Amino acid sequence: MALTKCYSGASKKIALHSSVLCTLLLVVIVVAVRFSPSAEAASPSGENSLGTLKVISVRKMSDAEYANRVKDYIGATHLVRLRFEAPSDRNVFLYAPYCGKPSGYVLERTAGSVKWLAANPGADSSKSPGFKQLEGGTGSCWLLMTSGSAYEWEEETEPRAPIEEARSIFVKGGRDQEPVELISAWYIVSKDSPSPSTMR
């Protein structure tokens, strides 16, 4: 009788232990699935190991700026100022065609639907066209960004509110590594964006 009770108690402890392990394993799996990266989802670069792409400001161009800057993109009336910040603990390479300003893609988001504007006809515009397409149309140059350094520049754009806009660039950790696309935070360009005379 005592042996039976002992065996029963041990079985309950084993069953309880197994139940706890199963629960912990399930939690780990759920967390891993929830936070696993998706190549198709467009989200801001945030704190990336290769750097951060930030939106500094969005403003309307002055008449003089429009006359000097806008050549081909006639609809452009605004400027978005971007800033790439290299990580503080390593050097990285920033893609900048002809060793000028960085280049990437323009993205739009409407009601949660994301679209890369440079997608080829017939291609899935909800996915990035990738680096090879960009390089094929712009030439090539990789700028060495030393740890903690930054690069600021401006891009022409036009009001599309309430559609949200974002920008992307490409960076890599070494000369022989594959480029990684970083995406800025989403922002809105409206006709009511401030002009230089109203900005501090």
C-alpha atoms as a PDB file:
ATOM      1  CA  MET A   1       0.000   0.000   0.000  1.00  0.00           C
ATOM      2  CA  ALA A   2       2.813   2.416   0.920  1.00  0.00           C
ATOM      3  CA  LEU A   3       4.645   1.489  -2.283  1.00  0.00           C
ATOM      4  CA  THR A   4       1.534   2.289  -4.359  1.00  0.00           C
ATOM      5  CA  LYS A   5       1.141   5.715  -2.729  1.00  0.00           C
ATOM      6  CA  CYS A   6       4.820   6.449  -3.279  1.00  0.00           C
ATOM      7  CA  TYR A   7       4.615   5.472  -6.956  1.00  0.00           C
ATOM      8  CA  SER A   8       1.458   7.559  -7.384  1.00  0.00           C
ATOM      9  CA  GLY A   9       3.098  10.613  -5.830  1.00  0.00           C
ATOM     10  CA  ALA A  10       6.147  10.268  -8.062  1.00  0.00           C
ATOM     11  CA  SER A  11       3.925  10.003 -11.153  1.00  0.00           C
ATOM     12  CA  LYS A  12       2.119  13.209 -10.220  1.00  0.00           C
ATOM     13  CA  LYS A  13       5.442  15.035  -9.815  1.00  0.00           C
ATOM     14  CA  ILE A  14       6.664  13.786 -13.215  1.00  0.00           C
ATOM     15  CA  ALA A  15       3.373  14.780 -14.865  1.00  0.00           C
ATOM     16  CA  LEU A  16       3.533  18.246 -13.269  1.00  0.00           C
ATOM     17  CA  HIS A  17       7.150  18.681 -14.348  1.00  0.00           C
ATOM     18  CA  SER A  18       6.300  17.656 -17.944  1.00  0.00           C
ATOM     19  CA  SER A  19       3.354  20.050 -17.998  1.00  0.00           C
ATOM     20  CA  VAL A  20       5.558  22.976 -16.915  1.00  0.00           C
ATOM     21  CA  LEU A  21       8.161  22.115 -19.558  1.00  0.00           C
ATOM     22  CA  CYS A  22       5.506  21.925 -22.285  1.00  0.00           C
ATOM     23  CA  THR A  23       4.090  25.296 -21.256  1.00  0.00           C
ATOM     24  CA  LEU A  24       7.530  26.945 -21.312  1.00  0.00           C
ATOM     25  CA  LEU A  25       8.308  25.416 -24.709  1.00  0.00           C
ATOM     26  CA  LEU A  26       5.025  26.719 -26.119  1.00  0.00           C
ATOM     27  CA  VAL A  27       5.763  30.243 -24.846  1.00  0.00           C
ATOM     28  CA  VAL A  28       9.230  30.173 -26.454  1.00  0.00           C
ATOM     29  CA  ILE A  29       7.770  29.059 -29.794  1.00  0.00           C
ATOM     30  CA  VAL A  30       5.073  31.768 -29.753  1.00  0.00           C
ATOM     31  CA  VAL A  31       7.610  34.494 -28.947  1.00  0.00           C
ATOM     32  CA  ALA A  32      10.004  33.270 -31.656  1.00  0.00           C
ATOM     33  CA  VAL A  33       7.269  33.245 -34.296  1.00  0.00           C
ATOM     34  CA  ARG A  34       5.924  36.630 -33.267  1.00  0.00           C
ATOM     35  CA  PHE A  35       9.248  38.408 -33.404  1.00  0.00           C
ATOM     36  CA  SER A  36      10.907  36.578 -36.295  1.00  0.00           C
ATOM     37  CA  PRO A  37      11.925  38.985 -39.107  1.00  0.00           C
ATOM     38  CA  SER A  38       9.870  39.024 -42.310  1.00  0.00           C
ATOM     39  CA  ALA A  39      11.456  40.027 -45.610  1.00  0.00           C
ATOM     40  CA  GLU A  40       8.087  41.115 -46.986  1.00  0.00           C
ATOM     41  CA  ALA A  41       7.054  43.410 -44.138  1.00  0.00           C
ATOM     42  CA  ALA A  42       8.125  47.024 -44.408  1.00  0.00           C
ATOM     43  CA  SER A  43       9.005  48.539 -41.063  1.00  0.00           C
ATOM     44  CA  PRO A  44      11.307  51.336 -39.929  1.00  0.00           C
ATOM     45  CA  SER A  45      14.950  50.420 -39.559  1.00  0.00           C
ATOM     46  CA  GLY A  46      14.990  51.439 -35.893  1.00  0.00           C
ATOM     47  CA  GLU A  47      18.084  50.326 -34.010  1.00  0.00           C
ATOM     48  CA  ASN A  48      19.745  48.122 -36.612  1.00  0.00           C
ATOM     49  CA  SER A  49      23.210  46.637 -36.163  1.00  0.00           C
ATOM     50  CA  LEU A  50      24.191  48.338 -39.449  1.00  0.00           C
ATOM     51  CA  GLY A  51      22.834  51.775 -38.568  1.00  0.00           C
ATOM     52  CA  THR A  52      19.655  53.858 -38.473  1.00  0.00           C
ATOM     53  CA  LEU A  53      17.810  55.854 -41.145  1.00  0.00           C
ATOM     54  CA  LYS A  54      15.932  58.828 -39.662  1.00  0.00           C
ATOM     55  CA  VAL A  55      13.538  61.444 -41.043  1.00  0.00           C
ATOM     56  CA  ILE A  56      14.703  64.853 -39.786  1.00  0.00           C
ATOM     57  CA  SER A  57      12.098  67.127 -41.392  1.00  0.00           C
ATOM     58  CA  VAL A  58       9.537  67.532 -44.165  1.00  0.00           C
ATOM     59  CA  ARG A  59       9.026  71.015 -45.599  1.00  0.00           C
ATOM     60  CA  LYS A  60       7.820  72.953 -48.605  1.00  0.00           C
ATOM     61  CA  MET A  61      10.456  74.358 -50.956  1.00  0.00           C
ATOM     62  CA  SER A  62      10.855  78.078 -51.452  1.00  0.00           C
ATOM     63  CA  ASP A  63      10.405  79.440 -54.978  1.00  0.00           C
ATOM     64  CA  ALA A  64      14.190  79.826 -55.326  1.00  0.00           C
ATOM     65  CA  GLU A  65      14.806  76.252 -54.198  1.00  0.00           C
ATOM     66  CA  TYR A  66      12.211  74.953 -56.633  1.00  0.00           C
ATOM     67  CA  ALA A  67      13.829  76.839 -59.514  1.00  0.00           C
ATOM     68  CA  ASN A  68      17.324  75.565 -58.637  1.00  0.00           C
ATOM     69  CA  ARG A  69      16.532  71.977 -57.657  1.00  0.00           C
ATOM     70  CA  VAL A  70      13.606  70.648 -59.637  1.00  0.00           C
ATOM     71  CA  LYS A  71      14.579  69.584 -63.147  1.00  0.00           C
ATOM     72  CA  ASP A  72      12.803  66.332 -64.001  1.00  0.00           C
ATOM     73  CA  TYR A  73      10.408  65.774 -61.087  1.00  0.00           C
ATOM     74  CA  ILE A  74       8.027  68.635 -61.921  1.00  0.00           C
ATOM     75  CA  GLY A  75       5.454  67.646 -59.297  1.00  0.00           C
ATOM     76  CA  ALA A  76       7.981  67.904 -56.465  1.00  0.00           C
ATOM     77  CA  THR A  77       7.206  70.833 -54.190  1.00  0.00           C
ATOM     78  CA  HIS A  78       8.574  69.541 -50.873  1.00  0.00           C
ATOM     79  CA  LEU A  79      11.834  68.296 -49.382  1.00  0.00           C
ATOM     80  CA  VAL A  80      12.331  65.490 -46.909  1.00  0.00           C
ATOM     81  CA  ARG A  81      15.581  65.613 -44.947  1.00  0.00           C
ATOM     82  CA  LEU A  82      17.060  62.226 -44.069  1.00  0.00           C
ATOM     83  CA  ARG A  83      19.904  61.212 -41.785  1.00  0.00           C
ATOM     84  CA  PHE A  84      21.808  57.941 -41.743  1.00  0.00           C
ATOM     85  CA  GLU A  85      23.629  57.224 -38.497  1.00  0.00           C
ATOM     86  CA  ALA A  86      26.316  54.540 -38.485  1.00  0.00           C
ATOM     87  CA  PRO A  87      26.483  52.245 -35.449  1.00  0.00           C
ATOM     88  CA  SER A  88      28.705  53.398 -32.618  1.00  0.00           C
ATOM     89  CA  ASP A  89      30.744  50.205 -32.475  1.00  0.00           C
ATOM     90  CA  ARG A  90      31.642  49.413 -36.087  1.00  0.00           C
ATOM     91  CA  ASN A  91      32.302  50.751 -39.580  1.00  0.00           C
ATOM     92  CA  VAL A  92      29.767  50.142 -42.340  1.00  0.00           C
ATOM     93  CA  PHE A  93      29.405  50.881 -46.054  1.00  0.00           C
ATOM     94  CA  LEU A  94      26.607  53.116 -47.369  1.00  0.00           C
ATOM     95  CA  TYR A  95      25.417  52.843 -50.977  1.00  0.00           C
ATOM     96  CA  ALA A  96      25.719  56.213 -52.743  1.00  0.00           C
ATOM     97  CA  PRO A  97      25.724  56.157 -56.577  1.00  0.00           C
ATOM     98  CA  TYR A  98      28.671  58.004 -58.122  1.00  0.00           C
ATOM     99  CA  CYS A  99      29.813  58.695 -54.538  1.00  0.00           C
ATOM    100  CA  GLY A 100      27.133  61.366 -54.127  1.00  0.00           C
ATOM    101  CA  LYS A 101      24.099  61.161 -51.854  1.00  0.00           C
ATOM    102  CA  PRO A 102      22.664  57.811 -50.732  1.00  0.00           C
ATOM    103  CA  SER A 103      20.039  56.152 -52.907  1.00  0.00           C
ATOM    104  CA  GLY A 104      17.200  53.709 -52.325  1.00  0.00           C
ATOM    105  CA  TYR A 105      13.479  53.409 -52.850  1.00  0.00           C
ATOM    106  CA  VAL A 106      10.305  55.358 -52.059  1.00  0.00           C
ATOM    107  CA  LEU A 107       7.547  53.433 -50.268  1.00  0.00           C
ATOM    108  CA  GLU A 108       3.863  54.242 -49.822  1.00  0.00           C
ATOM    109  CA  ARG A 109       1.456  52.953 -47.187  1.00  0.00           C
ATOM    110  CA  THR A 110      -2.325  53.221 -47.502  1.00  0.00           C
ATOM    111  CA  ALA A 111      -4.665  51.564 -45.011  1.00  0.00           C
ATOM    112  CA  GLY A 112      -1.857  49.232 -43.953  1.00  0.00           C
ATOM    113  CA  SER A 113      -0.982  48.232 -47.519  1.00  0.00           C
ATOM    114  CA  VAL A 114       2.682  48.866 -48.408  1.00  0.00           C
ATOM    115  CA  LYS A 115       3.940  49.501 -51.935  1.00  0.00           C
ATOM    116  CA  TRP A 116       7.432  50.091 -53.367  1.00  0.00           C
ATOM    117  CA  LEU A 117       6.953  52.708 -56.113  1.00  0.00           C
ATOM    118  CA  ALA A 118       9.888  51.507 -58.237  1.00  0.00           C
ATOM    119  CA  ALA A 119       8.601  47.972 -58.752  1.00  0.00           C
ATOM    120  CA  ASN A 120       8.833  46.732 -62.347  1.00  0.00           C
ATOM    121  CA  PRO A 121       5.564  46.301 -64.306  1.00  0.00           C
ATOM    122  CA  GLY A 122       4.028  42.968 -63.382  1.00  0.00           C
ATOM    123  CA  ALA A 123       6.201  42.595 -60.273  1.00  0.00           C
ATOM    124  CA  ASP A 124       4.836  42.355 -56.728  1.00  0.00           C
ATOM    125  CA  SER A 125       4.971  45.969 -55.514  1.00  0.00           C
ATOM    126  CA  SER A 126       4.466  44.854 -51.906  1.00  0.00           C
ATOM    127  CA  LYS A 127       8.056  43.574 -51.949  1.00  0.00           C
ATOM    128  CA  SER A 128      11.272  45.508 -52.397  1.00  0.00           C
ATOM    129  CA  PRO A 129      12.682  45.425 -55.953  1.00  0.00           C
ATOM    130  CA  GLY A 130      16.017  44.687 -54.271  1.00  0.00           C
ATOM    131  CA  PHE A 131      19.501  46.042 -54.559  1.00  0.00           C
ATOM    132  CA  LYS A 132      20.403  44.633 -57.962  1.00  0.00           C
ATOM    133  CA  GLN A 133      17.632  46.571 -59.707  1.00  0.00           C
ATOM    134  CA  LEU A 134      18.720  49.778 -57.964  1.00  0.00           C
ATOM    135  CA  GLU A 135      22.392  49.306 -58.797  1.00  0.00           C
ATOM    136  CA  GLY A 136      21.565  48.515 -62.416  1.00  0.00           C
ATOM    137  CA  GLY A 137      19.923  51.897 -62.869  1.00  0.00           C
ATOM    138  CA  THR A 138      22.235  54.112 -60.821  1.00  0.00           C
ATOM    139  CA  GLY A 139      25.823  52.888 -61.015  1.00  0.00           C
ATOM    140  CA  SER A 140      27.826  51.944 -57.965  1.00  0.00           C
ATOM    141  CA  CYS A 141      29.789  53.428 -55.102  1.00  0.00           C
ATOM    142  CA  TRP A 142      30.044  52.442 -51.444  1.00  0.00           C
ATOM    143  CA  LEU A 143      30.959  55.124 -48.910  1.00  0.00           C
ATOM    144  CA  LEU A 144      32.861  54.042 -45.820  1.00  0.00           C
ATOM    145  CA  MET A 145      30.970  55.266 -42.760  1.00  0.00           C
ATOM    146  CA  THR A 146      33.174  55.094 -39.689  1.00  0.00           C
ATOM    147  CA  SER A 147      31.641  54.195 -36.337  1.00  0.00           C
ATOM    148  CA  GLY A 148      29.415  56.963 -34.962  1.00  0.00           C
ATOM    149  CA  SER A 149      29.465  59.021 -38.171  1.00  0.00           C
ATOM    150  CA  ALA A 150      26.369  60.397 -39.937  1.00  0.00           C
ATOM    151  CA  TYR A 151      25.246  61.570 -43.365  1.00  0.00           C
ATOM    152  CA  GLU A 152      22.376  64.026 -43.964  1.00  0.00           C
ATOM    153  CA  TRP A 153      20.750  64.835 -47.298  1.00  0.00           C
ATOM    154  CA  GLU A 154      17.453  65.955 -48.842  1.00  0.00           C
ATOM    155  CA  GLU A 155      15.126  64.338 -51.372  1.00  0.00           C
ATOM    156  CA  GLU A 156      12.398  65.960 -53.451  1.00  0.00           C
ATOM    157  CA  THR A 157       8.839  64.760 -52.927  1.00  0.00           C
ATOM    158  CA  GLU A 158       5.222  65.837 -53.423  1.00  0.00           C
ATOM    159  CA  PRO A 159       2.117  66.020 -51.211  1.00  0.00           C
ATOM    160  CA  ARG A 160       0.239  62.724 -51.127  1.00  0.00           C
ATOM    161  CA  ALA A 161      -1.619  63.028 -47.814  1.00  0.00           C
ATOM    162  CA  PRO A 162      -3.225  61.035 -46.312  1.00  0.00           C
ATOM    163  CA  ILE A 163      -0.943  58.463 -47.963  1.00  0.00           C
ATOM    164  CA  GLU A 164       2.144  57.817 -45.834  1.00  0.00           C
ATOM    165  CA  GLU A 165       5.625  57.799 -47.319  1.00  0.00           C
ATOM    166  CA  ALA A 166       8.932  56.234 -46.303  1.00  0.00           C
ATOM    167  CA  ARG A 167      12.416  55.996 -47.808  1.00  0.00           C
ATOM    168  CA  SER A 168      14.961  53.218 -47.944  1.00  0.00           C
ATOM    169  CA  ILE A 169      18.720  52.972 -48.388  1.00  0.00           C
ATOM    170  CA  PHE A 170      21.197  50.103 -48.607  1.00  0.00           C
ATOM    171  CA  VAL A 171      24.119  49.401 -46.290  1.00  0.00           C
ATOM    172  CA  LYS A 172      26.472  46.510 -45.672  1.00  0.00           C
ATOM    173  CA  GLY A 173      28.879  45.542 -42.931  1.00  0.00           C
ATOM    174  CA  GLY A 174      31.791  44.649 -45.207  1.00  0.00           C
ATOM    175  CA  ARG A 175      32.835  44.925 -48.839  1.00  0.00           C
ATOM    176  CA  ASP A 176      32.030  41.275 -49.547  1.00  0.00           C
ATOM    177  CA  GLN A 177      28.757  41.145 -47.610  1.00  0.00           C
ATOM    178  CA  GLU A 178      25.248  41.313 -49.064  1.00  0.00           C
ATOM    179  CA  PRO A 179      23.524  44.744 -48.930  1.00  0.00           C
ATOM    180  CA  VAL A 180      20.748  45.226 -46.370  1.00  0.00           C
ATOM    181  CA  GLU A 181      17.822  47.590 -46.992  1.00  0.00           C
ATOM    182  CA  LEU A 182      17.063  50.029 -44.156  1.00  0.00           C
ATOM    183  CA  ILE A 183      13.660  51.745 -44.112  1.00  0.00           C
ATOM    184  CA  SER A 184      12.866  55.065 -42.457  1.00  0.00           C
ATOM    185  CA  ALA A 185       9.896  55.833 -40.242  1.00  0.00           C
ATOM    186  CA  TRP A 186       6.642  56.644 -42.030  1.00  0.00           C
ATOM    187  CA  TYR A 187       5.765  60.317 -42.561  1.00  0.00           C
ATOM    188  CA  ILE A 188       3.070  62.344 -44.344  1.00  0.00           C
ATOM    189  CA  VAL A 189       3.695  65.066 -46.924  1.00  0.00           C
ATOM    190  CA  SER A 190       0.810  67.544 -47.050  1.00  0.00           C
ATOM    191  CA  LYS A 191       0.241  70.846 -48.782  1.00  0.00           C
ATOM    192  CA  ASP A 192       0.250  72.471 -45.351  1.00  0.00           C
ATOM    193  CA  SER A 193       3.853  71.442 -44.582  1.00  0.00           C
ATOM    194  CA  PRO A 194       5.833  74.498 -43.399  1.00  0.00           C
ATOM    195  CA  SER A 195       8.038  76.500 -45.737  1.00  0.00           C
ATOM    196  CA  PRO A 196      11.616  77.581 -44.803  1.00  0.00           C
ATOM    197  CA  SER A 197      10.423  81.031 -43.704  1.00  0.00           C
ATOM    198  CA  THR A 198       8.165  79.507 -41.039  1.00  0.00           C
ATOM    199  CA  MET A 199      10.676  76.996 -39.703  1.00  0.00           C
ATOM    200  CA  ARG A 200      13.039  77.711 -36.822  1.00  0.00           C
END
